[in-house]
All heavy atoms as atom14 arrays in JSON, in Angstrom:
{
  "sequence": "HAPWSTVGDLIDYVREVAPHTAYAVHDGALNDVGAAMVEGFLGERGPG",
  "atom14_mask": [
    [1, 1, 1, 1, 1, 1, 1, 1, 1, 1, 0, 0, 0, 0],
    [1, 1, 1, 1, 1, 0, 0, 0, 0, 0, 0, 0, 0, 0],
    [1, 1, 1, 1, 1, 1, 1, 0, 0, 0, 0, 0, 0, 0],
    [1, 1, 1, 1, 1, 1, 1, 1, 1, 1, 1, 1, 1, 1],
    [1, 1, 1, 1, 1, 1, 0, 0, 0, 0, 0, 0, 0, 0],
    [1, 1, 1, 1, 1, 1, 1, 0, 0, 0, 0, 0, 0, 0],
    [1, 1, 1, 1, 1, 1, 1, 0, 0, 0, 0, 0, 0, 0],
    [1, 1, 1, 1, 0, 0, 0, 0, 0, 0, 0, 0, 0, 0],
    [1, 1, 1, 1, 1, 1, 1, 1, 0, 0, 0, 0, 0, 0],
    [1, 1, 1, 1, 1, 1, 1, 1, 0, 0, 0, 0, 0, 0],
    [1, 1, 1, 1, 1, 1, 1, 1, 0, 0, 0, 0, 0, 0],
    [1, 1, 1, 1, 1, 1, 1, 1, 0, 0, 0, 0, 0, 0],
    [1, 1, 1, 1, 1, 1, 1, 1, 1, 1, 1, 1, 0, 0],
    [1, 1, 1, 1, 1, 1, 1, 0, 0, 0, 0, 0, 0, 0],
    [1, 1, 1, 1, 1, 1, 1, 1, 1, 1, 1, 0, 0, 0],
    [1, 1, 1, 1, 1, 1, 1, 1, 1, 0, 0, 0, 0, 0],
    [1, 1, 1, 1, 1, 1, 1, 0, 0, 0, 0, 0, 0, 0],
    [1, 1, 1, 1, 1, 0, 0, 0, 0, 0, 0, 0, 0, 0],
    [1, 1, 1, 1, 1, 1, 1, 0, 0, 0, 0, 0, 0, 0],
    [1, 1, 1, 1, 1, 1, 1, 1, 1, 1, 0, 0, 0, 0],
    [1, 1, 1, 1, 1, 1, 1, 0, 0, 0, 0, 0, 0, 0],
    [1, 1, 1, 1, 1, 0, 0, 0, 0, 0, 0, 0, 0, 0],
    [1, 1, 1, 1, 1, 1, 1, 1, 1, 1, 1, 1, 0, 0],
    [1, 1, 1, 1, 1, 0, 0, 0, 0, 0, 0, 0, 0, 0],
    [1, 1, 1, 1, 1, 1, 1, 0, 0, 0, 0, 0, 0, 0],
    [1, 1, 1, 1, 1, 1, 1, 1, 1, 1, 0, 0, 0, 0],
    [1, 1, 1, 1, 1, 1, 1, 1, 0, 0, 0, 0, 0, 0],
    [1, 1, 1, 1, 0, 0, 0, 0, 0, 0, 0, 0, 0, 0],
    [1, 1, 1, 1, 1, 0, 0, 0, 0, 0, 0, 0, 0, 0],
    [1, 1, 1, 1, 1, 1, 1, 1, 0, 0, 0, 0, 0, 0],
    [1, 1, 1, 1, 1, 1, 1, 1, 0, 0, 0, 0, 0, 0],
    [1, 1, 1, 1, 1, 1, 1, 1, 0, 0, 0, 0, 0, 0],
    [1, 1, 1, 1, 1, 1, 1, 0, 0, 0, 0, 0, 0, 0],
    [1, 1, 1, 1, 0, 0, 0, 0, 0, 0, 0, 0, 0, 0],
    [1, 1, 1, 1, 1, 0, 0, 0, 0, 0, 0, 0, 0, 0],
    [1, 1, 1, 1, 1, 0, 0, 0, 0, 0, 0, 0, 0, 0],
    [1, 1, 1, 1, 1, 1, 1, 1, 0, 0, 0, 0, 0, 0],
    [1, 1, 1, 1, 1, 1, 1, 0, 0, 0, 0, 0, 0, 0],
    [1, 1, 1, 1, 1, 1, 1, 1, 1, 0, 0, 0, 0, 0],
    [1, 1, 1, 1, 0, 0, 0, 0, 0, 0, 0, 0, 0, 0],
    [1, 1, 1, 1, 1, 1, 1, 1, 1, 1, 1, 0, 0, 0],
    [1, 1, 1, 1, 1, 1, 1, 1, 0, 0, 0, 0, 0, 0],
    [1, 1, 1, 1, 0, 0, 0, 0, 0, 0, 0, 0, 0, 0],
    [1, 1, 1, 1, 1, 1, 1, 1, 1, 0, 0, 0, 0, 0],
    [1, 1, 1, 1, 1, 1, 1, 1, 1, 1, 1, 0, 0, 0],
    [1, 1, 1, 1, 0, 0, 0, 0, 0, 0, 0, 0, 0, 0],
    [1, 1, 1, 1, 1, 1, 1, 0, 0, 0, 0, 0, 0, 0],
    [1, 1, 1, 1, 0, 0, 0, 0, 0, 0, 0, 0, 0, 0]
  ],
  "atom14_positions": [
    [[-5.37, -7.54, 49.59], [-5.37, -6.15, 49.9], [-4.95, -5.92, 51.31], [-5.45, -6.55, 52.24], [-6.82, -5.6, 49.72], [-6.97, -4.16, 50.14], [-6.51, -3.14, 49.39], [-7.49, -3.62, 51.27], [-6.76, -1.99, 50.01], [-7.37, -2.26, 51.15], [0.0, 0.0, 0.0], [0.0, 0.0, 0.0], [0.0, 0.0, 0.0], [0.0, 0.0, 0.0]],
    [[-3.99, -5.04, 51.48], [-3.53, -4.71, 52.83], [-2.83, -3.35, 52.77], [-2.3, -2.97, 51.72], [-2.54, -5.76, 53.3], [0.0, 0.0, 0.0], [0.0, 0.0, 0.0], [0.0, 0.0, 0.0], [0.0, 0.0, 0.0], [0.0, 0.0, 0.0], [0.0, 0.0, 0.0], [0.0, 0.0, 0.0], [0.0, 0.0, 0.0], [0.0, 0.0, 0.0]],
    [[-2.83, -2.63, 53.88], [-2.2, -1.31, 53.88], [-0.71, -1.32, 53.59], [-0.12, -0.35, 53.2], [-2.49, -0.73, 55.25], [-3.13, -1.8, 56.03], [-3.43, -2.96, 55.13], [0.0, 0.0, 0.0], [0.0, 0.0, 0.0], [0.0, 0.0, 0.0], [0.0, 0.0, 0.0], [0.0, 0.0, 0.0], [0.0, 0.0, 0.0], [0.0, 0.0, 0.0]],
    [[-0.08, -2.47, 53.76], [1.39, -2.58, 53.56], [1.79, -3.08, 52.2], [2.97, -3.28, 51.96], [2.02, -3.47, 54.65], [1.39, -4.83, 54.66], [1.77, -5.9, 53.88], [0.33, -5.29, 55.48], [0.97, -6.97, 54.15], [0.06, -6.62, 55.13], [-0.46, -4.67, 56.43], [-0.92, -7.36, 55.7], [-1.47, -5.46, 57.03], [-1.67, -6.76, 56.68]],
    [[0.82, -3.31, 51.33], [1.2, -3.85, 49.99], [0.54, -2.98, 48.91], [-0.35, -2.17, 49.15], [0.75, -5.28, 49.88], [-0.68, -5.41, 49.82], [0.0, 0.0, 0.0], [0.0, 0.0, 0.0], [0.0, 0.0, 0.0], [0.0, 0.0, 0.0], [0.0, 0.0, 0.0], [0.0, 0.0, 0.0], [0.0, 0.0, 0.0], [0.0, 0.0, 0.0]],
    [[0.99, -3.21, 47.7], [0.41, -2.56, 46.54], [-0.04, -3.66, 45.54], [0.41, -4.78, 45.63], [1.45, -1.63, 45.81], [2.49, -2.47, 45.27], [2.02, -0.64, 46.78], [0.0, 0.0, 0.0], [0.0, 0.0, 0.0], [0.0, 0.0, 0.0], [0.0, 0.0, 0.0], [0.0, 0.0, 0.0], [0.0, 0.0, 0.0], [0.0, 0.0, 0.0]],
    [[-0.84, -3.29, 44.6], [-1.28, -4.23, 43.56], [-0.07, -4.69, 42.77], [0.06, -5.87, 42.42], [-2.34, -3.6, 42.65], [-2.67, -4.52, 41.48], [-3.61, -3.32, 43.42], [0.0, 0.0, 0.0], [0.0, 0.0, 0.0], [0.0, 0.0, 0.0], [0.0, 0.0, 0.0], [0.0, 0.0, 0.0], [0.0, 0.0, 0.0], [0.0, 0.0, 0.0]],
    [[0.89, -3.78, 42.53], [2.13, -4.19, 41.85], [2.9, -5.27, 42.58], [3.36, -6.23, 41.98], [0.0, 0.0, 0.0], [0.0, 0.0, 0.0], [0.0, 0.0, 0.0], [0.0, 0.0, 0.0], [0.0, 0.0, 0.0], [0.0, 0.0, 0.0], [0.0, 0.0, 0.0], [0.0, 0.0, 0.0], [0.0, 0.0, 0.0], [0.0, 0.0, 0.0]],
    [[2.97, -5.13, 43.92], [3.63, -6.17, 44.73], [2.88, -7.48, 44.62], [3.45, -8.55, 44.53], [3.68, -5.74, 46.16], [4.65, -4.59, 46.44], [5.54, -4.36, 45.62], [4.45, -3.91, 47.5], [0.0, 0.0, 0.0], [0.0, 0.0, 0.0], [0.0, 0.0, 0.0], [0.0, 0.0, 0.0], [0.0, 0.0, 0.0], [0.0, 0.0, 0.0]],
    [[1.56, -7.41, 44.63], [0.74, -8.59, 44.54], [0.95, -9.32, 43.21], [1.14, -10.53, 43.14], [-0.74, -8.22, 44.69], [-1.77, -9.35, 44.51], [-1.57, -10.43, 45.54], [-3.18, -8.77, 44.58], [0.0, 0.0, 0.0], [0.0, 0.0, 0.0], [0.0, 0.0, 0.0], [0.0, 0.0, 0.0], [0.0, 0.0, 0.0], [0.0, 0.0, 0.0]],
    [[0.97, -8.57, 42.12], [1.19, -9.16, 40.78], [2.59, -9.79, 40.75], [2.72, -10.92, 40.28], [1.03, -8.1, 39.7], [-0.44, -7.65, 39.58], [1.53, -8.62, 38.35], [-0.65, -6.42, 38.76], [0.0, 0.0, 0.0], [0.0, 0.0, 0.0], [0.0, 0.0, 0.0], [0.0, 0.0, 0.0], [0.0, 0.0, 0.0], [0.0, 0.0, 0.0]],
    [[3.61, -9.07, 41.21], [4.95, -9.64, 41.22], [5.03, -10.93, 42.04], [5.68, -11.9, 41.63], [5.96, -8.65, 41.8], [6.19, -7.45, 40.89], [5.82, -7.54, 39.69], [6.75, -6.44, 41.39], [0.0, 0.0, 0.0], [0.0, 0.0, 0.0], [0.0, 0.0, 0.0], [0.0, 0.0, 0.0], [0.0, 0.0, 0.0], [0.0, 0.0, 0.0]],
    [[4.34, -10.95, 43.17], [4.35, -12.17, 44.03], [3.7, -13.33, 43.32], [4.22, -14.44, 43.31], [3.63, -11.86, 45.35], [3.54, -13.05, 46.26], [4.63, -13.5, 46.98], [2.35, -13.79, 46.37], [4.55, -14.6, 47.82], [2.27, -14.9, 47.19], [3.36, -15.28, 47.91], [3.3, -16.4, 48.71], [0.0, 0.0, 0.0], [0.0, 0.0, 0.0]],
    [[2.54, -13.11, 42.7], [1.86, -14.19, 41.99], [2.68, -14.66, 40.83], [2.79, -15.86, 40.56], [0.42, -13.76, 41.57], [-0.22, -14.85, 40.72], [-0.41, -13.45, 42.78], [0.0, 0.0, 0.0], [0.0, 0.0, 0.0], [0.0, 0.0, 0.0], [0.0, 0.0, 0.0], [0.0, 0.0, 0.0], [0.0, 0.0, 0.0], [0.0, 0.0, 0.0]],
    [[3.35, -13.78, 40.12], [4.22, -14.18, 39.04], [5.37, -15.05, 39.57], [5.72, -16.08, 38.95], [4.83, -12.96, 38.35], [3.88, -12.28, 37.43], [4.54, -11.07, 36.8], [3.67, -10.37, 35.86], [3.85, -9.13, 35.48], [4.9, -8.42, 35.92], [3.02, -8.61, 34.61], [0.0, 0.0, 0.0], [0.0, 0.0, 0.0], [0.0, 0.0, 0.0]],
    [[5.98, -14.64, 40.68], [7.11, -15.38, 41.27], [6.69, -16.79, 41.73], [7.37, -17.74, 41.48], [7.7, -14.57, 42.42], [8.9, -15.22, 43.04], [10.18, -15.18, 42.16], [10.24, -14.31, 41.31], [11.05, -16.06, 42.37], [0.0, 0.0, 0.0], [0.0, 0.0, 0.0], [0.0, 0.0, 0.0], [0.0, 0.0, 0.0], [0.0, 0.0, 0.0]],
    [[5.54, -16.86, 42.41], [5.09, -18.15, 42.94], [4.57, -19.04, 41.84], [4.72, -20.23, 41.88], [4.04, -17.93, 44.03], [3.41, -19.22, 44.5], [4.65, -17.17, 45.23], [0.0, 0.0, 0.0], [0.0, 0.0, 0.0], [0.0, 0.0, 0.0], [0.0, 0.0, 0.0], [0.0, 0.0, 0.0], [0.0, 0.0, 0.0], [0.0, 0.0, 0.0]],
    [[3.97, -18.44, 40.82], [3.42, -19.14, 39.64], [2.44, -20.28, 39.99], [2.64, -21.4, 39.56], [4.55, -19.64, 38.77], [0.0, 0.0, 0.0], [0.0, 0.0, 0.0], [0.0, 0.0, 0.0], [0.0, 0.0, 0.0], [0.0, 0.0, 0.0], [0.0, 0.0, 0.0], [0.0, 0.0, 0.0], [0.0, 0.0, 0.0], [0.0, 0.0, 0.0]],
    [[1.42, -19.99, 40.79], [0.46, -21.07, 41.13], [-0.47, -21.35, 39.99], [-0.6, -20.53, 39.04], [-0.34, -20.43, 42.29], [-0.36, -18.98, 41.95], [1.0, -18.7, 41.34], [0.0, 0.0, 0.0], [0.0, 0.0, 0.0], [0.0, 0.0, 0.0], [0.0, 0.0, 0.0], [0.0, 0.0, 0.0], [0.0, 0.0, 0.0], [0.0, 0.0, 0.0]],
    [[-1.1, -22.51, 39.99], [-2.08, -22.84, 38.97], [-3.39, -22.11, 39.31], [-4.12, -21.72, 38.42], [-2.38, -24.34, 38.92], [-1.18, -25.12, 38.42], [-0.79, -25.11, 37.1], [-0.29, -25.88, 39.05], [0.28, -25.84, 36.94], [0.6, -26.34, 38.11], [0.0, 0.0, 0.0], [0.0, 0.0, 0.0], [0.0, 0.0, 0.0], [0.0, 0.0, 0.0]],
    [[-3.64, -21.94, 40.59], [-4.88, -21.3, 41.08], [-4.51, -20.33, 42.19], [-3.7, -20.66, 43.07], [-5.9, -22.33, 41.58], [-6.13, -23.3, 40.55], [-7.18, -21.68, 41.97], [0.0, 0.0, 0.0], [0.0, 0.0, 0.0], [0.0, 0.0, 0.0], [0.0, 0.0, 0.0], [0.0, 0.0, 0.0], [0.0, 0.0, 0.0], [0.0, 0.0, 0.0]],
    [[-5.11, -19.14, 42.17], [-4.89, -18.14, 43.23], [-6.2, -17.82, 43.86], [-7.21, -17.62, 43.15], [-4.25, -16.89, 42.63], [0.0, 0.0, 0.0], [0.0, 0.0, 0.0], [0.0, 0.0, 0.0], [0.0, 0.0, 0.0], [0.0, 0.0, 0.0], [0.0, 0.0, 0.0], [0.0, 0.0, 0.0], [0.0, 0.0, 0.0], [0.0, 0.0, 0.0]],
    [[-6.23, -17.77, 45.17], [-7.44, -17.39, 45.93], [-7.23, -16.11, 46.66], [-6.16, -15.86, 47.22], [-7.78, -18.48, 46.95], [-8.24, -19.77, 46.31], [-7.35, -20.77, 46.03], [-9.59, -19.95, 46.01], [-7.79, -21.93, 45.42], [-10.01, -21.12, 45.42], [-9.1, -22.11, 45.13], [-9.55, -23.27, 44.53], [0.0, 0.0, 0.0], [0.0, 0.0, 0.0]],
    [[-8.23, -15.25, 46.62], [-8.13, -13.96, 47.34], [-8.18, -14.18, 48.85], [-9.03, -14.92, 49.32], [-9.3, -13.06, 46.9], [0.0, 0.0, 0.0], [0.0, 0.0, 0.0], [0.0, 0.0, 0.0], [0.0, 0.0, 0.0], [0.0, 0.0, 0.0], [0.0, 0.0, 0.0], [0.0, 0.0, 0.0], [0.0, 0.0, 0.0], [0.0, 0.0, 0.0]],
    [[-7.27, -13.54, 49.55], [-7.34, -13.47, 51.0], [-7.06, -12.03, 51.35], [-6.53, -11.27, 50.58], [-6.3, -14.42, 51.68], [-6.62, -15.87, 51.38], [-4.89, -14.07, 51.23], [0.0, 0.0, 0.0], [0.0, 0.0, 0.0], [0.0, 0.0, 0.0], [0.0, 0.0, 0.0], [0.0, 0.0, 0.0], [0.0, 0.0, 0.0], [0.0, 0.0, 0.0]],
    [[-7.46, -11.63, 52.55], [-7.26, -10.29, 52.99], [-7.98, -9.28, 52.11], [-7.46, -8.25, 51.75], [-5.74, -9.95, 52.98], [-5.16, -9.74, 54.33], [-5.58, -8.74, 55.18], [-4.19, -10.4, 54.99], [-4.87, -8.81, 56.29], [-4.05, -9.83, 56.22], [0.0, 0.0, 0.0], [0.0, 0.0, 0.0], [0.0, 0.0, 0.0], [0.0, 0.0, 0.0]],
    [[-9.23, -9.59, 51.77], [-9.96, -8.71, 50.84], [-11.19, -8.09, 51.5], [-12.0, -7.48, 50.8], [-10.32, -9.42, 49.58], [-11.26, -10.6, 49.82], [-11.4, -11.03, 50.96], [-11.85, -11.08, 48.82], [0.0, 0.0, 0.0], [0.0, 0.0, 0.0], [0.0, 0.0, 0.0], [0.0, 0.0, 0.0], [0.0, 0.0, 0.0], [0.0, 0.0, 0.0]],
    [[-11.34, -8.22, 52.79], [-12.54, -7.76, 53.47], [-12.73, -6.24, 53.43], [-13.83, -5.73, 53.57], [0.0, 0.0, 0.0], [0.0, 0.0, 0.0], [0.0, 0.0, 0.0], [0.0, 0.0, 0.0], [0.0, 0.0, 0.0], [0.0, 0.0, 0.0], [0.0, 0.0, 0.0], [0.0, 0.0, 0.0], [0.0, 0.0, 0.0], [0.0, 0.0, 0.0]],
    [[-11.65, -5.48, 53.22], [-11.75, -4.01, 53.18], [-12.1, -3.51, 51.79], [-12.33, -2.3, 51.62], [-10.44, -3.4, 53.63], [0.0, 0.0, 0.0], [0.0, 0.0, 0.0], [0.0, 0.0, 0.0], [0.0, 0.0, 0.0], [0.0, 0.0, 0.0], [0.0, 0.0, 0.0], [0.0, 0.0, 0.0], [0.0, 0.0, 0.0], [0.0, 0.0, 0.0]],
    [[-12.2, -4.36, 50.81], [-12.5, -3.93, 49.44], [-14.0, -4.02, 49.19], [-14.65, -4.97, 49.55], [-11.8, -4.81, 48.4], [-10.29, -4.76, 48.35], [-9.73, -5.75, 47.36], [-9.8, -3.36, 48.04], [0.0, 0.0, 0.0], [0.0, 0.0, 0.0], [0.0, 0.0, 0.0], [0.0, 0.0, 0.0], [0.0, 0.0, 0.0], [0.0, 0.0, 0.0]],
    [[-14.54, -3.01, 48.54], [-15.91, -3.08, 48.06], [-15.93, -3.84, 46.72], [-14.87, -4.28, 46.24], [-16.57, -1.71, 47.97], [-15.9, -0.84, 46.93], [-15.19, -1.25, 46.02], [-16.14, 0.48, 47.05], [0.0, 0.0, 0.0], [0.0, 0.0, 0.0], [0.0, 0.0, 0.0], [0.0, 0.0, 0.0], [0.0, 0.0, 0.0], [0.0, 0.0, 0.0]],
    [[-17.07, -3.98, 46.1], [-17.17, -4.78, 44.88], [-16.34, -4.17, 43.75], [-15.76, -4.88, 42.93], [-18.63, -4.9, 44.41], [-19.44, -5.77, 45.34], [-18.84, -6.62, 46.06], [-20.67, -5.68, 45.32], [0.0, 0.0, 0.0], [0.0, 0.0, 0.0], [0.0, 0.0, 0.0], [0.0, 0.0, 0.0], [0.0, 0.0, 0.0], [0.0, 0.0, 0.0]],
    [[-16.27, -2.83, 43.69], [-15.48, -2.16, 42.64], [-13.97, -2.49, 42.83], [-13.28, -2.84, 41.9], [-15.72, -0.67, 42.6], [-14.8, 0.03, 41.65], [-17.19, -0.37, 42.25], [0.0, 0.0, 0.0], [0.0, 0.0, 0.0], [0.0, 0.0, 0.0], [0.0, 0.0, 0.0], [0.0, 0.0, 0.0], [0.0, 0.0, 0.0], [0.0, 0.0, 0.0]],
    [[-13.5, -2.32, 44.06], [-12.07, -2.61, 44.35], [-11.73, -4.06, 44.07], [-10.69, -4.35, 43.53], [0.0, 0.0, 0.0], [0.0, 0.0, 0.0], [0.0, 0.0, 0.0], [0.0, 0.0, 0.0], [0.0, 0.0, 0.0], [0.0, 0.0, 0.0], [0.0, 0.0, 0.0], [0.0, 0.0, 0.0], [0.0, 0.0, 0.0], [0.0, 0.0, 0.0]],
    [[-12.63, -4.98, 44.47], [-12.34, -6.41, 44.23], [-12.32, -6.7, 42.74], [-11.48, -7.48, 42.29], [-13.42, -7.24, 44.94], [0.0, 0.0, 0.0], [0.0, 0.0, 0.0], [0.0, 0.0, 0.0], [0.0, 0.0, 0.0], [0.0, 0.0, 0.0], [0.0, 0.0, 0.0], [0.0, 0.0, 0.0], [0.0, 0.0, 0.0], [0.0, 0.0, 0.0]],
    [[-13.2, -6.07, 41.98], [-13.22, -6.31, 40.52], [-11.94, -5.75, 39.89], [-11.44, -6.35, 38.93], [-14.47, -5.67, 39.93], [0.0, 0.0, 0.0], [0.0, 0.0, 0.0], [0.0, 0.0, 0.0], [0.0, 0.0, 0.0], [0.0, 0.0, 0.0], [0.0, 0.0, 0.0], [0.0, 0.0, 0.0], [0.0, 0.0, 0.0], [0.0, 0.0, 0.0]],
    [[-11.47, -4.64, 40.38], [-10.26, -4.08, 39.85], [-9.07, -4.99, 40.07], [-8.28, -5.24, 39.13], [-9.98, -2.7, 40.46], [-10.91, -1.62, 39.98], [-10.69, -0.05, 40.83], [-8.96, 0.31, 40.52], [0.0, 0.0, 0.0], [0.0, 0.0, 0.0], [0.0, 0.0, 0.0], [0.0, 0.0, 0.0], [0.0, 0.0, 0.0], [0.0, 0.0, 0.0]],
    [[-8.93, -5.52, 41.29], [-7.84, -6.43, 41.56], [-7.97, -7.7, 40.78], [-7.01, -8.23, 40.22], [-7.77, -6.72, 43.08], [-6.77, -7.82, 43.36], [-7.41, -5.47, 43.86], [0.0, 0.0, 0.0], [0.0, 0.0, 0.0], [0.0, 0.0, 0.0], [0.0, 0.0, 0.0], [0.0, 0.0, 0.0], [0.0, 0.0, 0.0], [0.0, 0.0, 0.0]],
    [[-9.2, -8.18, 40.61], [-9.43, -9.38, 39.81], [-8.99, -9.17, 38.37], [-8.48, -10.08, 37.73], [-10.91, -9.75, 39.81], [-11.23, -11.02, 39.05], [-12.71, -11.39, 39.17], [-13.42, -10.81, 39.97], [-13.1, -12.27, 38.38], [0.0, 0.0, 0.0], [0.0, 0.0, 0.0], [0.0, 0.0, 0.0], [0.0, 0.0, 0.0], [0.0, 0.0, 0.0]],
    [[-9.12, -7.97, 37.85], [-8.67, -7.69, 36.5], [-7.16, -7.78, 36.34], [-6.66, -8.01, 35.24], [0.0, 0.0, 0.0], [0.0, 0.0, 0.0], [0.0, 0.0, 0.0], [0.0, 0.0, 0.0], [0.0, 0.0, 0.0], [0.0, 0.0, 0.0], [0.0, 0.0, 0.0], [0.0, 0.0, 0.0], [0.0, 0.0, 0.0], [0.0, 0.0, 0.0]],
    [[-6.41, -7.65, 37.44], [-4.97, -7.75, 37.38], [-4.47, -9.17, 37.57], [-3.29, -9.45, 37.28], [-4.31, -6.85, 38.43], [-4.49, -5.39, 38.18], [-5.18, -4.62, 39.06], [-3.96, -4.79, 37.05], [-5.35, -3.27, 38.86], [-4.11, -3.45, 36.84], [-4.82, -2.68, 37.73], [0.0, 0.0, 0.0], [0.0, 0.0, 0.0], [0.0, 0.0, 0.0]],
    [[-5.3, -10.03, 38.1], [-4.87, -11.4, 38.37], [-5.6, -12.39, 37.48], [-6.54, -12.03, 36.77], [-5.17, -11.72, 39.87], [-4.42, -10.87, 40.87], [-4.87, -11.21, 42.28], [-2.93, -10.97, 40.73], [0.0, 0.0, 0.0], [0.0, 0.0, 0.0], [0.0, 0.0, 0.0], [0.0, 0.0, 0.0], [0.0, 0.0, 0.0], [0.0, 0.0, 0.0]],
    [[-5.19, -13.63, 37.58], [-5.88, -14.68, 36.84], [-5.59, -14.61, 35.33], [-4.62, -14.02, 34.9], [0.0, 0.0, 0.0], [0.0, 0.0, 0.0], [0.0, 0.0, 0.0], [0.0, 0.0, 0.0], [0.0, 0.0, 0.0], [0.0, 0.0, 0.0], [0.0, 0.0, 0.0], [0.0, 0.0, 0.0], [0.0, 0.0, 0.0], [0.0, 0.0, 0.0]],
    [[-6.41, -15.26, 34.59], [-6.21, -15.47, 33.15], [-6.17, -14.15, 32.37], [-5.57, -14.06, 31.32], [-7.24, -16.39, 32.61], [-7.15, -17.76, 33.24], [-8.39, -18.64, 32.97], [-9.34, -18.12, 32.4], [-8.35, -19.81, 33.33], [0.0, 0.0, 0.0], [0.0, 0.0, 0.0], [0.0, 0.0, 0.0], [0.0, 0.0, 0.0], [0.0, 0.0, 0.0]],
    [[-6.83, -13.12, 32.89], [-6.86, -11.83, 32.19], [-5.75, -10.89, 32.63], [-5.58, -9.82, 32.08], [-8.21, -11.13, 32.41], [-9.38, -11.93, 31.91], [-10.64, -11.23, 32.2], [-10.61, -10.72, 33.58], [-11.69, -10.33, 34.23], [-12.87, -10.35, 33.65], [-11.6, -9.87, 35.49], [0.0, 0.0, 0.0], [0.0, 0.0, 0.0], [0.0, 0.0, 0.0]],
    [[-5.01, -11.27, 33.66], [-4.01, -10.38, 34.24], [-2.78, -10.26, 33.36], [-2.58, -11.02, 32.4], [0.0, 0.0, 0.0], [0.0, 0.0, 0.0], [0.0, 0.0, 0.0], [0.0, 0.0, 0.0], [0.0, 0.0, 0.0], [0.0, 0.0, 0.0], [0.0, 0.0, 0.0], [0.0, 0.0, 0.0], [0.0, 0.0, 0.0], [0.0, 0.0, 0.0]],
    [[-1.94, -9.29, 33.67], [-0.74, -9.02, 32.88], [0.37, -10.05, 33.14], [1.2, -9.87, 34.0], [-0.32, -7.64, 33.36], [-0.83, -7.55, 34.77], [-2.1, -8.36, 34.79], [0.0, 0.0, 0.0], [0.0, 0.0, 0.0], [0.0, 0.0, 0.0], [0.0, 0.0, 0.0], [0.0, 0.0, 0.0], [0.0, 0.0, 0.0], [0.0, 0.0, 0.0]],
    [[0.31, -11.12, 32.43], [1.33, -12.15, 32.58], [1.22, -13.02, 33.79], [2.18, -13.58, 34.26], [0.0, 0.0, 0.0], [0.0, 0.0, 0.0], [0.0, 0.0, 0.0], [0.0, 0.0, 0.0], [0.0, 0.0, 0.0], [0.0, 0.0, 0.0], [0.0, 0.0, 0.0], [0.0, 0.0, 0.0], [0.0, 0.0, 0.0], [0.0, 0.0, 0.0]]
  ]
}
């Protein structure tokens, strides 16, 4: 999470890099709801 990025950019980046494991960084400004929303887009449940 950062003011200069979007969740769409984040998803595209993770798709491009194609890691086996992704760790959240730059997430201190998110509350639990925001973190859960981003988690829903990434990982095994994410869109591709």
